[in-house]
Amino acid sequence: MSVSEPEPSQDSRITTIEELHEYLYKGLQLEHATLPPYLTALYSLQPGKNSDAWHVIRVVAVEEMLHLTLVANVLNAVGGSPNLIRPGFVPDYPTRLPCGPDYFDVHLRPFSPEALDTFLKIEKPAQAADEEDRLVPVDWAALGLTSDGAAPPSDRLAELEESGTVLGLVPGEPTQRFLSIGEFYEEIMRGINHLEDQAREAGTTIFTGDPGRQVTPEYFYSGGGDVIEVTGRDTAMAALTLVAEQGEGLHGGIYDSQDEIAHYYRFQQLEKGRYYQKGDEPGLPCGPELHVDWDAVYPVKPDIKLADLQADPEILAAAEEFNRSYATFLTNINLAYNGQPELLLKAVWEMFRIRDTMNRLIRNPLSGHAGMHAGPTFEL
């Protein structure tokens, strides 16, 4: 993990409760943005094959749902309102994430060495050497948005965010991005400490949210860790630390604080062809061999859009049905995070419909795209 519980004395870029709410919204957006790529790769695996890859990707996807819920609990606890149906919440793939030392495209594509490389970049641990290294500049020229590398005007930045083309610009500092997801969450924890210290000096607290909006363990079971009910500073820190740890590992190590392998190292097992075991060093798994068959995968057309399906009316109808189902899925989760936690049970049922429709898409060849199969478009 590249974050540790920050000290109240550390400087924070977050100076108002409104800025904290926006950072936490970006956290929701970031956690969700990984789901479509992970799910597309997962369901591109041919049935009965690549069981190791299936298990690894599925575990990570399930834990991303846990992360989404934990961030929502923190946002609700500090008086915010999660909004998973805000324009631009679902990215327009390919997209760029707001964290990492290098910008890279995140595609919707089948399981492949290229997809795995992207997953490793998403989850890569990166701890800044000093304060100045925690943020790195956005390379607008590399994004193809300017010719000289200068940031586009503010109205253009807002348009890019609302469309989902560029995901999660740093609130108040749109020309910057964080070195890693861990550094992003550390900033949020610093902000919570800073604002809570100020509030306590005034005899109040920032944790003013309705406790009834918390998703508690009885409403959520994922097998990928426990939901934490956020009631104050300590539980907020525990929730956000778990999110960062499960992605990058405790202090950048292989395991998180619950003694589970972090996402980065789960994916690295597929790259190295071996499982990690206790006592291994990062990058050197010495456990049992892990088999990956790169050919036992449906060749989903990367970043497919509804416009690519016009020659296949039945596939187009299935893709539109998938998008409606996914929109319903997000709507139910949004309602669950906004005072109706029991609706998470309905969202789980909706996930099965999503899976079935996704399978129908991925297993069908496309007309006019030689050797390519259909896939979900996530155009909401």
Protein backbone atom coordinates (compact mmCIF):
# COMPACT_ATOMS: atom_id res chain seq x y z
CA MET A 1 0.00 0.00 0.00
CA SER A 2 1.27 3.44 -0.79
CA VAL A 3 -0.83 5.10 1.86
CA SER A 4 -0.63 5.06 5.60
CA GLU A 5 -2.93 6.76 8.07
CA PRO A 6 -1.98 10.40 7.68
CA GLU A 7 -1.11 12.63 10.60
CA PRO A 8 -3.36 15.64 11.25
CA SER A 9 -0.35 17.92 10.81
CA GLN A 10 0.10 17.00 7.16
CA ASP A 11 -0.92 19.66 4.67
CA SER A 12 -4.14 19.08 2.78
CA ARG A 13 -5.28 20.42 -0.56
CA ILE A 14 -8.83 19.82 0.63
CA THR A 15 -9.89 22.87 2.64
CA THR A 16 -13.71 22.80 2.46
CA ILE A 17 -16.37 20.15 2.94
CA GLU A 18 -17.51 20.78 -0.65
CA GLU A 19 -14.02 19.90 -1.93
CA LEU A 20 -14.04 16.74 0.18
CA HIS A 21 -17.39 15.75 -1.32
CA GLU A 22 -16.00 16.25 -4.84
CA TYR A 23 -12.90 14.18 -4.10
CA LEU A 24 -15.07 11.36 -2.78
CA TYR A 25 -17.26 11.56 -5.88
CA LYS A 26 -14.09 11.16 -7.94
CA GLY A 27 -13.30 8.11 -5.80
CA LEU A 28 -16.67 6.58 -6.67
CA GLN A 29 -16.06 7.31 -10.34
CA LEU A 30 -12.56 5.84 -10.23
CA GLU A 31 -13.65 2.61 -8.52
CA HIS A 32 -16.49 2.09 -10.97
CA ALA A 33 -14.36 2.89 -14.05
CA THR A 34 -12.38 -0.31 -13.57
CA LEU A 35 -15.46 -2.54 -13.58
CA PRO A 36 -16.38 -2.46 -17.31
CA PRO A 37 -12.81 -3.37 -18.43
CA TYR A 38 -12.52 -6.11 -15.82
CA LEU A 39 -15.96 -7.55 -16.63
CA THR A 40 -15.35 -7.48 -20.39
CA ALA A 41 -12.10 -9.39 -19.95
CA LEU A 42 -13.71 -11.82 -17.48
CA TYR A 43 -16.61 -12.81 -19.72
CA SER A 44 -14.42 -13.02 -22.82
CA LEU A 45 -12.86 -16.17 -21.31
CA GLN A 46 -14.24 -19.28 -22.96
CA PRO A 47 -16.26 -21.52 -20.60
CA GLY A 48 -14.32 -24.27 -18.86
CA LYS A 49 -10.95 -22.77 -19.76
CA ASN A 50 -8.58 -20.33 -18.08
CA SER A 51 -9.93 -21.09 -14.62
CA ASP A 52 -6.95 -19.36 -13.00
CA ALA A 53 -7.54 -16.15 -14.93
CA TRP A 54 -11.28 -16.39 -14.28
CA HIS A 55 -10.74 -16.63 -10.53
CA VAL A 56 -8.22 -13.78 -10.38
CA ILE A 57 -10.30 -11.29 -12.41
CA ARG A 58 -13.56 -12.21 -10.70
CA VAL A 59 -12.11 -11.69 -7.21
CA VAL A 60 -10.79 -8.27 -8.20
CA ALA A 61 -14.11 -7.23 -9.78
CA VAL A 62 -16.03 -8.27 -6.66
CA GLU A 63 -13.65 -6.26 -4.47
CA GLU A 64 -14.12 -3.20 -6.68
CA MET A 65 -17.83 -3.36 -5.79
CA LEU A 66 -16.80 -3.40 -2.13
CA HIS A 67 -14.58 -0.35 -2.72
CA LEU A 68 -17.46 1.50 -4.37
CA THR A 69 -19.61 0.82 -1.31
CA LEU A 70 -16.91 1.85 1.17
CA VAL A 71 -16.34 5.19 -0.60
CA ALA A 72 -20.11 5.77 -0.66
CA ASN A 73 -20.27 5.13 3.08
CA VAL A 74 -17.55 7.72 3.70
CA LEU A 75 -19.28 10.26 1.45
CA ASN A 76 -22.61 9.72 3.22
CA ALA A 77 -20.95 9.98 6.63
CA VAL A 78 -19.58 13.46 5.87
CA GLY A 79 -22.94 14.74 4.64
CA GLY A 80 -22.54 14.12 0.93
CA SER A 81 -24.80 12.28 -1.53
CA PRO A 82 -23.40 9.60 -3.84
CA ASN A 83 -24.44 10.13 -7.47
CA LEU A 84 -23.73 7.21 -9.80
CA ILE A 85 -26.09 8.56 -12.47
CA ARG A 86 -24.42 11.95 -12.91
CA PRO A 87 -23.49 12.69 -16.56
CA GLY A 88 -19.99 11.41 -17.30
CA PHE A 89 -19.93 9.01 -14.33
CA VAL A 90 -19.59 6.07 -16.73
CA PRO A 91 -16.55 6.77 -18.93
CA ASP A 92 -16.56 6.90 -22.70
CA TYR A 93 -14.08 4.10 -23.37
CA PRO A 94 -11.22 4.26 -24.09
CA THR A 95 -10.67 6.65 -21.20
CA ARG A 96 -7.83 7.89 -18.99
CA LEU A 97 -7.75 7.46 -15.23
CA PRO A 98 -6.74 10.31 -12.92
CA CYS A 99 -3.93 8.40 -11.23
CA GLY A 100 -0.57 6.93 -12.19
CA PRO A 101 2.89 8.18 -13.18
CA ASP A 102 2.05 7.78 -16.88
CA TYR A 103 -1.17 8.37 -18.77
CA PHE A 104 -2.48 5.31 -20.59
CA ASP A 105 -5.65 4.32 -22.35
CA VAL A 106 -8.10 2.05 -20.54
CA HIS A 107 -9.92 -0.01 -23.15
CA LEU A 108 -12.85 -2.40 -23.23
CA ARG A 109 -11.21 -5.46 -24.73
CA PRO A 110 -10.93 -9.22 -24.31
CA PHE A 111 -8.51 -10.89 -21.95
CA SER A 112 -5.07 -10.57 -23.52
CA PRO A 113 -1.51 -9.59 -22.64
CA GLU A 114 -2.45 -6.00 -23.51
CA ALA A 115 -5.50 -6.08 -21.20
CA LEU A 116 -3.41 -7.55 -18.39
CA ASP A 117 -0.77 -4.85 -18.85
CA THR A 118 -3.48 -2.21 -18.45
CA PHE A 119 -4.79 -3.88 -15.28
CA LEU A 120 -1.29 -3.86 -13.80
CA LYS A 121 -0.92 -0.16 -14.63
CA ILE A 122 -4.25 0.62 -12.95
CA GLU A 123 -3.32 -1.13 -9.70
CA LYS A 124 0.42 -0.38 -9.65
CA PRO A 125 1.80 0.75 -6.27
CA ALA A 126 3.65 4.04 -6.45
CA GLN A 127 4.68 5.97 -3.36
CA ALA A 128 5.91 9.50 -3.84
CA ALA A 129 9.47 10.23 -2.69
CA ASP A 130 8.40 13.61 -1.34
CA GLU A 131 5.48 16.03 -1.33
CA GLU A 132 6.37 17.55 -4.68
CA ASP A 133 6.19 14.15 -6.39
CA ARG A 134 2.66 13.30 -5.22
CA LEU A 135 1.12 15.17 -8.15
CA VAL A 136 2.34 14.97 -11.74
CA PRO A 137 1.22 17.18 -14.64
CA VAL A 138 -1.37 16.08 -17.15
CA ASP A 139 0.19 15.73 -20.60
CA TRP A 140 -2.52 17.30 -22.70
CA ALA A 141 -0.52 16.86 -25.90
CA ALA A 142 -0.31 13.11 -25.25
CA LEU A 143 -4.08 13.10 -24.89
CA GLY A 144 -4.33 14.72 -28.31
CA LEU A 145 -6.28 17.64 -26.86
CA THR A 146 -3.71 20.38 -27.39
CA SER A 147 -0.66 20.74 -29.61
CA ASP A 148 1.59 22.53 -27.12
CA GLY A 149 0.81 20.56 -23.96
CA ALA A 150 -1.01 23.46 -22.31
CA ALA A 151 -4.31 22.74 -20.60
CA PRO A 152 -7.50 23.44 -22.56
CA PRO A 153 -9.69 26.31 -21.29
CA SER A 154 -11.86 25.64 -18.24
CA ASP A 155 -15.09 25.25 -20.22
CA ARG A 156 -13.44 22.61 -22.40
CA LEU A 157 -12.16 20.79 -19.28
CA ALA A 158 -15.69 20.71 -17.88
CA GLU A 159 -16.97 19.33 -21.19
CA LEU A 160 -14.32 16.59 -21.20
CA GLU A 161 -15.25 15.54 -17.68
CA GLU A 162 -18.98 15.57 -18.30
CA SER A 163 -18.56 13.40 -21.41
CA GLY A 164 -16.34 10.91 -19.57
CA THR A 165 -13.52 11.42 -22.08
CA VAL A 166 -11.03 12.42 -19.38
CA LEU A 167 -11.88 10.89 -16.05
CA GLY A 168 -11.49 12.37 -12.62
CA LEU A 169 -9.49 15.58 -12.96
CA VAL A 170 -8.14 16.71 -9.58
CA PRO A 171 -10.73 19.08 -8.07
CA GLY A 172 -9.37 22.60 -8.13
CA GLU A 173 -6.21 21.50 -9.96
CA PRO A 174 -7.35 20.18 -13.36
CA THR A 175 -3.85 20.25 -14.85
CA GLN A 176 -2.60 17.67 -12.31
CA ARG A 177 -3.09 13.99 -11.54
CA PHE A 178 -1.96 11.82 -8.63
CA LEU A 179 1.05 9.53 -8.84
CA SER A 180 -1.07 6.54 -7.78
CA ILE A 181 -4.50 5.59 -6.52
CA GLY A 182 -2.93 5.26 -3.09
CA GLU A 183 -1.75 8.86 -3.19
CA PHE A 184 -5.25 9.94 -4.25
CA TYR A 185 -6.80 8.27 -1.21
CA GLU A 186 -4.09 9.61 1.07
CA GLU A 187 -5.13 13.11 -0.03
CA ILE A 188 -8.72 12.35 0.92
CA MET A 189 -7.62 11.08 4.33
CA ARG A 190 -5.53 14.19 4.87
CA GLY A 191 -8.56 16.28 3.98
CA ILE A 192 -10.75 14.41 6.44
CA ASN A 193 -8.18 14.91 9.21
CA HIS A 194 -7.78 18.60 8.40
CA LEU A 195 -11.49 19.36 8.31
CA GLU A 196 -12.30 17.23 11.34
CA ASP A 197 -9.56 18.92 13.38
CA GLN A 198 -11.00 22.31 12.46
CA ALA A 199 -14.54 21.18 13.29
CA ARG A 200 -13.53 19.80 16.69
CA GLU A 201 -11.81 23.06 17.59
CA ALA A 202 -15.21 24.67 17.01
CA GLY A 203 -16.97 21.98 19.02
CA THR A 204 -18.55 20.23 16.02
CA THR A 205 -17.72 17.44 13.55
CA ILE A 206 -17.79 16.87 9.80
CA PHE A 207 -19.50 13.50 10.33
CA THR A 208 -23.03 14.85 10.12
CA GLY A 209 -24.52 12.33 7.71
CA ASP A 210 -27.64 10.27 8.40
CA PRO A 211 -26.56 6.88 9.85
CA GLY A 212 -29.52 5.32 8.04
CA ARG A 213 -27.72 5.91 4.72
CA GLN A 214 -24.87 3.60 5.68
CA VAL A 215 -24.60 0.25 3.90
CA THR A 216 -23.96 -2.21 6.71
CA PRO A 217 -22.78 -5.83 6.45
CA GLU A 218 -26.29 -7.31 6.46
CA TYR A 219 -26.98 -5.54 3.16
CA PHE A 220 -23.76 -6.45 1.42
CA TYR A 221 -21.84 -9.69 1.12
CA SER A 222 -19.14 -10.01 -1.50
CA GLY A 223 -16.63 -12.50 -0.13
CA GLY A 224 -13.99 -9.87 -0.86
CA GLY A 225 -13.84 -8.21 2.53
CA ASP A 226 -16.22 -6.61 4.99
CA VAL A 227 -18.24 -3.46 4.58
CA ILE A 228 -17.29 -0.87 7.19
CA GLU A 229 -20.03 1.30 8.65
CA VAL A 230 -18.56 4.82 8.78
CA THR A 231 -19.52 6.71 11.94
CA GLY A 232 -16.50 8.97 12.49
CA ARG A 233 -12.85 9.62 11.76
CA ASP A 234 -11.51 6.19 12.76
CA THR A 235 -13.98 4.19 10.66
CA ALA A 236 -13.56 6.56 7.70
CA MET A 237 -9.79 5.98 7.82
CA ALA A 238 -10.31 2.23 8.09
CA ALA A 239 -12.63 2.20 5.06
CA LEU A 240 -10.35 4.26 2.81
CA THR A 241 -7.23 2.42 3.94
CA LEU A 242 -8.86 -0.90 3.04
CA VAL A 243 -9.71 0.43 -0.43
CA ALA A 244 -6.09 1.45 -1.06
CA GLU A 245 -4.59 -1.68 0.50
CA GLN A 246 -6.69 -4.11 -1.53
CA GLY A 247 -5.47 -2.47 -4.71
CA GLU A 248 -1.79 -1.90 -4.01
CA GLY A 249 -0.97 -4.03 -0.97
CA LEU A 250 0.08 -2.97 2.52
CA HIS A 251 2.98 -0.51 2.15
CA GLY A 252 3.43 -1.77 -1.42
CA GLY A 253 3.79 -5.37 -0.24
CA ILE A 254 2.02 -8.41 -1.62
CA TYR A 255 -0.68 -8.66 1.04
CA ASP A 256 -3.22 -6.25 2.51
CA SER A 257 -3.98 -5.88 6.22
CA GLN A 258 -6.56 -8.69 5.97
CA ASP A 259 -3.80 -10.98 4.71
CA GLU A 260 -5.28 -11.18 1.23
CA ILE A 261 -3.23 -10.73 -1.94
CA ALA A 262 -3.62 -7.19 -3.31
CA HIS A 263 -5.02 -6.62 -6.79
CA TYR A 264 -1.70 -5.67 -8.37
CA TYR A 265 -0.09 -8.90 -7.24
CA ARG A 266 -3.12 -11.00 -8.15
CA PHE A 267 -2.78 -9.74 -11.70
CA GLN A 268 0.99 -10.15 -11.62
CA GLN A 269 0.48 -13.87 -10.97
CA LEU A 270 -1.09 -14.14 -14.44
CA GLU A 271 1.88 -12.33 -15.93
CA LYS A 272 4.48 -14.45 -14.11
CA GLY A 273 2.66 -17.78 -14.48
CA ARG A 274 2.93 -18.58 -10.76
CA TYR A 275 0.96 -17.99 -7.60
CA TYR A 276 2.36 -16.03 -4.70
CA GLN A 277 2.90 -17.81 -1.41
CA LYS A 278 3.93 -16.62 2.03
CA GLY A 279 7.53 -15.46 2.15
CA ASP A 280 7.75 -14.47 -1.49
CA GLU A 281 9.26 -11.15 -2.53
CA PRO A 282 7.27 -8.74 -4.73
CA GLY A 283 7.78 -9.63 -8.38
CA LEU A 284 9.08 -13.13 -7.55
CA PRO A 285 6.17 -15.52 -6.97
CA CYS A 286 7.39 -19.01 -6.10
CA GLY A 287 4.11 -20.85 -5.55
CA PRO A 288 2.35 -23.37 -7.80
CA GLU A 289 2.37 -22.83 -11.54
CA LEU A 290 -0.53 -20.90 -13.02
CA HIS A 291 -1.71 -21.66 -16.55
CA VAL A 292 -2.98 -19.02 -18.97
CA ASP A 293 -4.26 -19.93 -22.44
CA TRP A 294 -4.29 -16.66 -24.36
CA ASP A 295 -6.09 -18.34 -27.27
CA ALA A 296 -9.07 -19.63 -25.24
CA VAL A 297 -10.72 -16.22 -25.43
CA TYR A 298 -13.58 -14.82 -27.52
CA PRO A 299 -12.12 -12.10 -29.79
CA VAL A 300 -14.28 -9.19 -28.63
CA LYS A 301 -13.93 -6.08 -30.79
CA PRO A 302 -12.09 -3.54 -28.63
CA ASP A 303 -14.05 -0.46 -27.52
CA ILE A 304 -17.07 -1.57 -29.46
CA LYS A 305 -19.92 0.92 -29.94
CA LEU A 306 -23.56 0.55 -30.89
CA ALA A 307 -22.67 2.05 -34.27
CA ASP A 308 -20.54 -1.04 -34.97
CA LEU A 309 -23.59 -3.31 -34.64
CA GLN A 310 -25.91 -1.82 -37.25
CA ALA A 311 -25.42 -4.80 -39.62
CA ASP A 312 -26.53 -7.23 -36.89
CA PRO A 313 -30.00 -6.20 -35.66
CA GLU A 314 -30.31 -9.02 -33.12
CA ILE A 315 -26.91 -8.27 -31.62
CA LEU A 316 -27.71 -4.55 -31.61
CA ALA A 317 -30.93 -5.28 -29.69
CA ALA A 318 -28.97 -7.37 -27.17
CA ALA A 319 -26.41 -4.56 -26.75
CA GLU A 320 -29.18 -2.03 -26.14
CA GLU A 321 -30.79 -4.40 -23.64
CA PHE A 322 -27.44 -4.72 -21.86
CA ASN A 323 -27.08 -0.95 -21.61
CA ARG A 324 -30.59 -0.65 -20.17
CA SER A 325 -29.83 -3.39 -17.65
CA TYR A 326 -26.57 -1.76 -16.66
CA ALA A 327 -28.32 1.59 -16.23
CA THR A 328 -30.89 -0.12 -13.98
CA PHE A 329 -28.06 -1.76 -12.05
CA LEU A 330 -26.40 1.61 -11.41
CA THR A 331 -29.74 3.20 -10.55
CA ASN A 332 -30.46 0.56 -7.92
CA ILE A 333 -26.99 0.92 -6.43
CA ASN A 334 -27.45 4.69 -6.39
CA LEU A 335 -30.73 4.33 -4.52
CA ALA A 336 -29.10 1.88 -2.12
CA TYR A 337 -26.36 4.41 -1.36
CA ASN A 338 -28.96 7.15 -0.86
CA GLY A 339 -31.00 5.68 1.97
CA GLN A 340 -32.36 2.39 0.60
CA PRO A 341 -29.54 -0.10 1.32
CA GLU A 342 -31.88 -3.07 0.94
CA LEU A 343 -31.91 -2.37 -2.82
CA LEU A 344 -28.40 -3.81 -3.05
CA LEU A 345 -30.12 -7.20 -3.04
CA LYS A 346 -32.03 -6.14 -6.17
CA ALA A 347 -28.79 -4.92 -7.70
CA VAL A 348 -27.25 -8.37 -7.21
CA TRP A 349 -30.17 -9.90 -9.12
CA GLU A 350 -29.65 -7.32 -11.87
CA MET A 351 -25.99 -8.35 -12.08
CA PHE A 352 -27.08 -11.85 -13.16
CA ARG A 353 -29.12 -10.35 -16.01
CA ILE A 354 -26.08 -8.30 -16.98
CA ARG A 355 -23.91 -11.41 -17.01
CA ASP A 356 -26.34 -13.37 -19.19
CA THR A 357 -26.73 -10.55 -21.72
CA MET A 358 -22.98 -9.99 -21.80
CA ASN A 359 -22.43 -13.66 -22.58
CA ARG A 360 -24.91 -13.50 -25.46
CA LEU A 361 -23.01 -10.56 -26.92
CA ILE A 362 -19.50 -11.87 -26.48
CA ARG A 363 -20.21 -15.28 -28.00
CA ASN A 364 -21.58 -13.86 -31.28
CA PRO A 365 -19.39 -13.04 -34.32
CA LEU A 366 -19.91 -9.65 -35.97
CA SER A 367 -20.82 -9.02 -39.58
CA GLY A 368 -18.35 -6.81 -41.40
CA HIS A 369 -15.65 -7.21 -38.75
CA ALA A 370 -13.66 -10.27 -39.76
CA GLY A 371 -12.83 -12.52 -36.83
CA MET A 372 -14.32 -10.13 -34.26
CA HIS A 373 -17.10 -10.81 -31.76
CA ALA A 374 -19.63 -8.47 -30.20
CA GLY A 375 -19.33 -7.15 -26.68
CA PRO A 376 -20.91 -4.73 -24.21
CA THR A 377 -20.63 -1.05 -25.12
CA PHE A 378 -21.46 0.57 -21.75
CA GLU A 379 -23.04 3.51 -23.59
CA LEU A 380 -25.48 4.89 -21.05
